[in-house]
Amino acid sequence: MATQSKQRIQTKQAPALAPNEMAARLFLTGFVCLCIGVGIGYLFGKQTAPGASAPFQAQTSSPNQPPQQNPAAAAQNEASLRALLMTNPKNLDALIQLGDLYYDQGKHQQAVEWYGKALEIDPRNVNVRTDRGSSYWSLNRPDEAIAEFQKSLQVDPNHSQTLYNIGLVYLQGKNNPAETKKAWQKLLKVSPDYPNRTDIERQLAALAATPAAGAPIKPQGTGVTSRGK
């Protein structure tokens, strides 16, 4: 019995090229590849050349040291915010941003003014209230700073930044370690992961070791922190 042979799958073959035509095609292919390689090399070199624009990187600053600002950009922001407030004097976001702008520039009297305008609209904003208190402290006005912090704590008794700031102002501005201990002990209780916890615990230990009540204490902290956010 004859067996049937298995048929092969047939593929379509291209006609053979003449030698001259094949050489021409090879030359054309090489030329195209060369052009592509040069183009890729140019683009790569442009991206990595010295002086090329690099991705923006935010600057990390100490909480007690406002970030450095470009004076021209700050002036432009100020003008834009003031123009916005000329149109709508009750624009809460613009009022807060203008206060922040002046705070970061070290213009604390102006910051007090614009934070105050924001608080007229939103008196329960503990973050703005705390920033206003920090501005008063920067103006060496501890009583007014404490008054603002107390108002903030009336709204949010556990606001960690306010607790830290009021403790520091009591210590540095009023020489009242008892109130400092009260504020900072509560801070560590309500915010166990507070970033400066180790420093606060060290300062509380120093306060506990103070022999005489009311004796001057030099804290290890560097100052009231901002923002209140």
C-alpha atoms as a PDB file:
ATOM      1  CA  MET A   1       0.000   0.000   0.000  1.00  0.00           C
ATOM      2  CA  ALA A   2       1.434   3.243  -1.111  1.00  0.00           C
ATOM      3  CA  THR A   3       1.877   5.933   1.563  1.00  0.00           C
ATOM      4  CA  GLN A   4       0.981   9.537   0.901  1.00  0.00           C
ATOM      5  CA  SER A   5       3.876  11.913   1.246  1.00  0.00           C
ATOM      6  CA  LYS A   6       3.410  14.875   3.636  1.00  0.00           C
ATOM      7  CA  GLN A   7       3.177  18.118   1.699  1.00  0.00           C
ATOM      8  CA  ARG A   8       5.528  20.937   2.575  1.00  0.00           C
ATOM      9  CA  ILE A   9       4.283  24.417   3.413  1.00  0.00           C
ATOM     10  CA  GLN A  10       5.326  26.569   0.552  1.00  0.00           C
ATOM     11  CA  THR A  11       6.596  30.121   1.008  1.00  0.00           C
ATOM     12  CA  LYS A  12       6.551  32.788  -1.585  1.00  0.00           C
ATOM     13  CA  GLN A  13      10.059  33.560  -2.795  1.00  0.00           C
ATOM     14  CA  ALA A  14      11.117  36.971  -4.047  1.00  0.00           C
ATOM     15  CA  PRO A  15      12.664  37.087  -7.481  1.00  0.00           C
ATOM     16  CA  ALA A  16      16.430  37.158  -7.549  1.00  0.00           C
ATOM     17  CA  LEU A  17      18.054  40.581  -7.907  1.00  0.00           C
ATOM     18  CA  ALA A  18      20.621  41.494 -10.414  1.00  0.00           C
ATOM     19  CA  PRO A  19      24.085  42.160  -8.952  1.00  0.00           C
ATOM     20  CA  ASN A  20      23.968  45.896  -9.774  1.00  0.00           C
ATOM     21  CA  GLU A  21      20.517  46.331  -8.252  1.00  0.00           C
ATOM     22  CA  MET A  22      21.540  44.490  -5.102  1.00  0.00           C
ATOM     23  CA  ALA A  23      24.603  46.709  -4.627  1.00  0.00           C
ATOM     24  CA  ALA A  24      22.475  49.826  -5.041  1.00  0.00           C
ATOM     25  CA  ARG A  25      20.017  48.646  -2.414  1.00  0.00           C
ATOM     26  CA  LEU A  26      22.788  47.801   0.031  1.00  0.00           C
ATOM     27  CA  PHE A  27      24.290  51.264  -0.407  1.00  0.00           C
ATOM     28  CA  LEU A  28      20.915  52.927   0.141  1.00  0.00           C
ATOM     29  CA  THR A  29      20.247  50.877   3.291  1.00  0.00           C
ATOM     30  CA  GLY A  30      23.658  51.762   4.740  1.00  0.00           C
ATOM     31  CA  PHE A  31      23.136  55.448   4.014  1.00  0.00           C
ATOM     32  CA  VAL A  32      19.734  55.484   5.762  1.00  0.00           C
ATOM     33  CA  CYS A  33      21.164  53.714   8.836  1.00  0.00           C
ATOM     34  CA  LEU A  34      24.014  56.219   8.984  1.00  0.00           C
ATOM     35  CA  CYS A  35      21.569  59.146   8.920  1.00  0.00           C
ATOM     36  CA  ILE A  36      19.449  57.618  11.681  1.00  0.00           C
ATOM     37  CA  GLY A  37      22.535  57.044  13.829  1.00  0.00           C
ATOM     38  CA  VAL A  38      23.732  60.617  13.406  1.00  0.00           C
ATOM     39  CA  GLY A  39      20.265  61.956  14.302  1.00  0.00           C
ATOM     40  CA  ILE A  40      20.041  59.870  17.482  1.00  0.00           C
ATOM     41  CA  GLY A  41      23.550  60.918  18.483  1.00  0.00           C
ATOM     42  CA  TYR A  42      22.647  64.602  18.013  1.00  0.00           C
ATOM     43  CA  LEU A  43      19.518  64.358  20.145  1.00  0.00           C
ATOM     44  CA  PHE A  44      21.296  62.466  22.897  1.00  0.00           C
ATOM     45  CA  GLY A  45      24.179  64.917  22.884  1.00  0.00           C
ATOM     46  CA  LYS A  46      21.770  67.870  23.088  1.00  0.00           C
ATOM     47  CA  GLN A  47      20.062  66.453  26.154  1.00  0.00           C
ATOM     48  CA  THR A  48      23.282  65.765  28.040  1.00  0.00           C
ATOM     49  CA  ALA A  49      25.441  68.646  26.867  1.00  0.00           C
ATOM     50  CA  PRO A  50      26.920  70.928  29.549  1.00  0.00           C
ATOM     51  CA  GLY A  51      24.576  73.771  30.352  1.00  0.00           C
ATOM     52  CA  ALA A  52      21.472  71.939  29.195  1.00  0.00           C
ATOM     53  CA  SER A  53      18.322  72.439  31.247  1.00  0.00           C
ATOM     54  CA  ALA A  54      18.077  70.000  34.158  1.00  0.00           C
ATOM     55  CA  PRO A  55      14.865  68.901  35.879  1.00  0.00           C
ATOM     56  CA  PHE A  56      13.763  71.255  38.616  1.00  0.00           C
ATOM     57  CA  GLN A  57      14.681  70.083  42.108  1.00  0.00           C
ATOM     58  CA  ALA A  58      12.925  71.531  45.125  1.00  0.00           C
ATOM     59  CA  GLN A  59      15.252  73.003  47.718  1.00  0.00           C
ATOM     60  CA  THR A  60      14.921  71.525  51.196  1.00  0.00           C
ATOM     61  CA  SER A  61      15.075  74.202  53.870  1.00  0.00           C
ATOM     62  CA  SER A  62      15.066  74.264  57.644  1.00  0.00           C
ATOM     63  CA  PRO A  63      11.605  74.856  59.163  1.00  0.00           C
ATOM     64  CA  ASN A  64      13.048  77.933  60.856  1.00  0.00           C
ATOM     65  CA  GLN A  65      14.612  79.358  57.712  1.00  0.00           C
ATOM     66  CA  PRO A  66      12.302  80.453  54.887  1.00  0.00           C
ATOM     67  CA  PRO A  67      13.313  79.216  51.429  1.00  0.00           C
ATOM     68  CA  GLN A  68      15.299  81.629  49.301  1.00  0.00           C
ATOM     69  CA  GLN A  69      13.144  83.332  46.705  1.00  0.00           C
ATOM     70  CA  ASN A  70      13.957  84.894  43.387  1.00  0.00           C
ATOM     71  CA  PRO A  71      13.298  88.620  43.993  1.00  0.00           C
ATOM     72  CA  ALA A  72      11.837  89.119  40.531  1.00  0.00           C
ATOM     73  CA  ALA A  73       9.528  86.127  40.890  1.00  0.00           C
ATOM     74  CA  ALA A  74       8.486  87.244  44.384  1.00  0.00           C
ATOM     75  CA  ALA A  75       7.695  90.736  43.119  1.00  0.00           C
ATOM     76  CA  GLN A  76       5.668  89.303  40.257  1.00  0.00           C
ATOM     77  CA  ASN A  77       3.744  87.032  42.643  1.00  0.00           C
ATOM     78  CA  GLU A  78       3.067  89.954  44.949  1.00  0.00           C
ATOM     79  CA  ALA A  79       1.761  92.094  42.097  1.00  0.00           C
ATOM     80  CA  SER A  80      -0.454  89.269  40.841  1.00  0.00           C
ATOM     81  CA  LEU A  81      -1.927  88.615  44.271  1.00  0.00           C
ATOM     82  CA  ARG A  82      -2.571  92.291  44.909  1.00  0.00           C
ATOM     83  CA  ALA A  83      -4.256  92.636  41.524  1.00  0.00           C
ATOM     84  CA  LEU A  84      -6.429  89.648  42.350  1.00  0.00           C
ATOM     85  CA  LEU A  85      -7.387  91.185  45.684  1.00  0.00           C
ATOM     86  CA  MET A  86      -8.234  94.477  44.003  1.00  0.00           C
ATOM     87  CA  THR A  87     -10.854  92.527  42.077  1.00  0.00           C
ATOM     88  CA  ASN A  88     -11.972  90.423  45.040  1.00  0.00           C
ATOM     89  CA  PRO A  89     -10.758  91.664  48.469  1.00  0.00           C
ATOM     90  CA  LYS A  90     -12.321  88.624  50.144  1.00  0.00           C
ATOM     91  CA  ASN A  91     -10.339  86.034  48.204  1.00  0.00           C
ATOM     92  CA  LEU A  92      -9.190  83.903  51.126  1.00  0.00           C
ATOM     93  CA  ASP A  93      -6.538  81.925  49.227  1.00  0.00           C
ATOM     94  CA  ALA A  94      -4.969  85.107  47.855  1.00  0.00           C
ATOM     95  CA  LEU A  95      -4.894  86.696  51.316  1.00  0.00           C
ATOM     96  CA  ILE A  96      -3.164  83.661  52.806  1.00  0.00           C
ATOM     97  CA  GLN A  97      -0.693  83.404  49.923  1.00  0.00           C
ATOM     98  CA  LEU A  98       0.208  87.073  50.279  1.00  0.00           C
ATOM     99  CA  GLY A  99       0.784  86.576  53.990  1.00  0.00           C
ATOM    100  CA  ASP A 100       2.967  83.561  53.231  1.00  0.00           C
ATOM    101  CA  LEU A 101       4.895  85.572  50.652  1.00  0.00           C
ATOM    102  CA  TYR A 102       5.687  88.333  53.148  1.00  0.00           C
ATOM    103  CA  TYR A 103       6.545  85.792  55.847  1.00  0.00           C
ATOM    104  CA  ASP A 104       9.041  84.057  53.575  1.00  0.00           C
ATOM    105  CA  GLN A 105      10.603  87.425  52.745  1.00  0.00           C
ATOM    106  CA  GLY A 106      11.025  88.255  56.426  1.00  0.00           C
ATOM    107  CA  LYS A 107       8.457  91.070  56.181  1.00  0.00           C
ATOM    108  CA  HIS A 108       6.658  89.968  59.315  1.00  0.00           C
ATOM    109  CA  GLN A 109       4.646  93.130  59.917  1.00  0.00           C
ATOM    110  CA  GLN A 110       3.057  92.780  56.487  1.00  0.00           C
ATOM    111  CA  ALA A 111       2.536  89.079  57.154  1.00  0.00           C
ATOM    112  CA  VAL A 112       0.669  89.942  60.373  1.00  0.00           C
ATOM    113  CA  GLU A 113      -1.545  92.345  58.422  1.00  0.00           C
ATOM    114  CA  TRP A 114      -2.511  89.953  55.634  1.00  0.00           C
ATOM    115  CA  TYR A 115      -2.924  86.939  57.889  1.00  0.00           C
ATOM    116  CA  GLY A 116      -5.238  89.139  59.938  1.00  0.00           C
ATOM    117  CA  LYS A 117      -7.355  89.909  56.879  1.00  0.00           C
ATOM    118  CA  ALA A 118      -7.579  86.178  56.134  1.00  0.00           C
ATOM    119  CA  LEU A 119      -8.633  85.455  59.710  1.00  0.00           C
ATOM    120  CA  GLU A 120     -11.420  88.006  59.435  1.00  0.00           C
ATOM    121  CA  ILE A 121     -12.909  85.701  56.813  1.00  0.00           C
ATOM    122  CA  ASP A 122     -11.900  82.364  58.368  1.00  0.00           C
ATOM    123  CA  PRO A 123     -11.287  82.932  62.101  1.00  0.00           C
ATOM    124  CA  ARG A 124     -11.085  79.209  62.834  1.00  0.00           C
ATOM    125  CA  ASN A 125      -8.143  78.587  60.499  1.00  0.00           C
ATOM    126  CA  VAL A 126      -5.570  77.288  62.987  1.00  0.00           C
ATOM    127  CA  ASN A 127      -2.779  77.170  60.430  1.00  0.00           C
ATOM    128  CA  VAL A 128      -3.075  80.840  59.524  1.00  0.00           C
ATOM    129  CA  ARG A 129      -3.542  81.731  63.197  1.00  0.00           C
ATOM    130  CA  THR A 130      -0.348  79.890  64.090  1.00  0.00           C
ATOM    131  CA  ASP A 131       1.558  81.603  61.287  1.00  0.00           C
ATOM    132  CA  ARG A 132       0.333  84.974  62.537  1.00  0.00           C
ATOM    133  CA  GLY A 133       1.574  84.105  66.009  1.00  0.00           C
ATOM    134  CA  SER A 134       4.942  83.106  64.539  1.00  0.00           C
ATOM    135  CA  SER A 135       5.076  86.464  62.765  1.00  0.00           C
ATOM    136  CA  TYR A 136       4.454  88.299  66.029  1.00  0.00           C
ATOM    137  CA  TRP A 137       7.244  86.289  67.647  1.00  0.00           C
ATOM    138  CA  SER A 138       9.611  87.257  64.844  1.00  0.00           C
ATOM    139  CA  LEU A 139       8.732  90.879  65.646  1.00  0.00           C
ATOM    140  CA  ASN A 140       9.754  90.259  69.285  1.00  0.00           C
ATOM    141  CA  ARG A 141       6.170  90.549  70.489  1.00  0.00           C
ATOM    142  CA  PRO A 142       5.766  87.391  72.607  1.00  0.00           C
ATOM    143  CA  ASP A 143       2.515  88.385  74.328  1.00  0.00           C
ATOM    144  CA  GLU A 144       0.715  88.828  71.007  1.00  0.00           C
ATOM    145  CA  ALA A 145       2.269  85.611  69.709  1.00  0.00           C
ATOM    146  CA  ILE A 146       0.991  83.665  72.711  1.00  0.00           C
ATOM    147  CA  ALA A 147      -2.457  85.224  72.317  1.00  0.00           C
ATOM    148  CA  GLU A 148      -2.653  83.960  68.738  1.00  0.00           C
ATOM    149  CA  PHE A 149      -1.437  80.498  69.722  1.00  0.00           C
ATOM    150  CA  GLN A 150      -4.030  80.312  72.480  1.00  0.00           C
ATOM    151  CA  LYS A 151      -6.779  81.172  70.001  1.00  0.00           C
ATOM    152  CA  SER A 152      -5.496  78.428  67.720  1.00  0.00           C
ATOM    153  CA  LEU A 153      -5.591  75.899  70.564  1.00  0.00           C
ATOM    154  CA  GLN A 154      -9.152  76.891  71.409  1.00  0.00           C
ATOM    155  CA  VAL A 155     -10.127  75.618  67.971  1.00  0.00           C
ATOM    156  CA  ASP A 156      -7.781  72.611  67.902  1.00  0.00           C
ATOM    157  CA  PRO A 157      -6.300  71.780  71.331  1.00  0.00           C
ATOM    158  CA  ASN A 158      -4.069  69.106  69.776  1.00  0.00           C
ATOM    159  CA  HIS A 159      -2.561  71.175  66.958  1.00  0.00           C
ATOM    160  CA  SER A 160       1.048  70.011  67.201  1.00  0.00           C
ATOM    161  CA  GLN A 161       2.742  73.003  65.605  1.00  0.00           C
ATOM    162  CA  THR A 162       0.896  75.419  67.865  1.00  0.00           C
ATOM    163  CA  LEU A 163       1.791  73.391  70.943  1.00  0.00           C
ATOM    164  CA  TYR A 164       5.451  73.452  69.997  1.00  0.00           C
ATOM    165  CA  ASN A 165       5.473  77.157  69.211  1.00  0.00           C
ATOM    166  CA  ILE A 166       3.627  78.297  72.318  1.00  0.00           C
ATOM    167  CA  GLY A 167       5.979  76.225  74.482  1.00  0.00           C
ATOM    168  CA  LEU A 168       8.998  77.804  72.879  1.00  0.00           C
ATOM    169  CA  VAL A 169       7.672  81.359  73.202  1.00  0.00           C
ATOM    170  CA  TYR A 170       6.828  80.743  76.863  1.00  0.00           C
ATOM    171  CA  LEU A 171      10.396  79.574  77.392  1.00  0.00           C
ATOM    172  CA  GLN A 172      12.344  82.104  75.355  1.00  0.00           C
ATOM    173  CA  GLY A 173      10.027  85.088  75.522  1.00  0.00           C
ATOM    174  CA  LYS A 174       8.414  84.796  78.950  1.00  0.00           C
ATOM    175  CA  ASN A 175      10.866  82.647  80.933  1.00  0.00           C
ATOM    176  CA  ASN A 176       8.001  80.414  81.994  1.00  0.00           C
ATOM    177  CA  PRO A 177       9.275  76.822  81.956  1.00  0.00           C
ATOM    178  CA  ALA A 178       6.132  75.522  83.677  1.00  0.00           C
ATOM    179  CA  GLU A 179       3.937  76.498  80.724  1.00  0.00           C
ATOM    180  CA  THR A 180       6.578  75.191  78.335  1.00  0.00           C
ATOM    181  CA  LYS A 181       6.558  71.773  79.995  1.00  0.00           C
ATOM    182  CA  LYS A 182       2.764  71.691  79.947  1.00  0.00           C
ATOM    183  CA  ALA A 183       2.621  72.455  76.208  1.00  0.00           C
ATOM    184  CA  TRP A 184       5.440  70.131  75.165  1.00  0.00           C
ATOM    185  CA  GLN A 185       4.317  67.197  77.299  1.00  0.00           C
ATOM    186  CA  LYS A 186       0.924  67.418  75.673  1.00  0.00           C
ATOM    187  CA  LEU A 187       2.590  67.694  72.249  1.00  0.00           C
ATOM    188  CA  LEU A 188       4.493  64.452  72.777  1.00  0.00           C
ATOM    189  CA  LYS A 189       1.302  62.766  73.957  1.00  0.00           C
ATOM    190  CA  VAL A 190      -0.898  63.776  71.028  1.00  0.00           C
ATOM    191  CA  SER A 191       1.875  63.588  68.369  1.00  0.00           C
ATOM    192  CA  PRO A 192       4.168  60.671  69.304  1.00  0.00           C
ATOM    193  CA  ASP A 193       5.824  60.853  65.870  1.00  0.00           C
ATOM    194  CA  TYR A 194       6.575  64.576  66.004  1.00  0.00           C
ATOM    195  CA  PRO A 195       9.769  65.208  63.971  1.00  0.00           C
ATOM    196  CA  ASN A 196      11.666  67.039  66.773  1.00  0.00           C
ATOM    197  CA  ARG A 197      10.652  64.599  69.480  1.00  0.00           C
ATOM    198  CA  THR A 198      14.215  63.752  70.550  1.00  0.00           C
ATOM    199  CA  ASP A 199      15.170  67.412  70.956  1.00  0.00           C
ATOM    200  CA  ILE A 200      11.967  68.170  72.866  1.00  0.00           C
ATOM    201  CA  GLU A 201      12.537  65.264  75.236  1.00  0.00           C
ATOM    202  CA  ARG A 202      16.091  66.479  75.869  1.00  0.00           C
ATOM    203  CA  GLN A 203      14.866  70.001  76.611  1.00  0.00           C
ATOM    204  CA  LEU A 204      12.132  68.695  78.913  1.00  0.00           C
ATOM    205  CA  ALA A 205      14.766  66.721  80.810  1.00  0.00           C
ATOM    206  CA  ALA A 206      16.837  69.881  81.164  1.00  0.00           C
ATOM    207  CA  LEU A 207      13.805  71.780  82.440  1.00  0.00           C
ATOM    208  CA  ALA A 208      13.065  69.037  84.968  1.00  0.00           C
ATOM    209  CA  ALA A 209      16.641  69.310  86.251  1.00  0.00           C
ATOM    210  CA  THR A 210      16.399  73.069  86.764  1.00  0.00           C
ATOM    211  CA  PRO A 211      17.043  73.709  90.473  1.00  0.00           C
ATOM    212  CA  ALA A 212      15.110  76.926  90.876  1.00  0.00           C
ATOM    213  CA  ALA A 213      11.778  77.835  89.372  1.00  0.00           C
ATOM    214  CA  GLY A 214      12.006  80.781  87.052  1.00  0.00           C
ATOM    215  CA  ALA A 215      15.751  80.404  86.465  1.00  0.00           C
ATOM    216  CA  PRO A 216      16.766  81.340  82.906  1.00  0.00           C
ATOM    217  CA  ILE A 217      16.840  78.371  80.578  1.00  0.00           C
ATOM    218  CA  LYS A 218      18.656  78.398  77.266  1.00  0.00           C
ATOM    219  CA  PRO A 219      16.734  75.993  75.008  1.00  0.00           C
ATOM    220  CA  GLN A 220      18.489  73.889  72.427  1.00  0.00           C
ATOM    221  CA  GLY A 221      15.908  74.621  69.757  1.00  0.00           C
ATOM    222  CA  THR A 222      16.513  77.314  67.167  1.00  0.00           C
ATOM    223  CA  GLY A 223      13.163  79.058  67.139  1.00  0.00           C
ATOM    224  CA  VAL A 224       9.487  78.990  66.396  1.00  0.00           C
ATOM    225  CA  THR A 225       8.731  76.860  63.388  1.00  0.00           C
ATOM    226  CA  SER A 226       6.513  77.691  60.459  1.00  0.00           C
ATOM    227  CA  ARG A 227       4.299  77.078  58.728  1.00  0.00           C
ATOM    228  CA  GLY A 228       1.439  76.238  61.042  1.00  0.00           C
ATOM    229  CA  LYS A 229       0.352  73.673  58.412  1.00  0.00           C
END
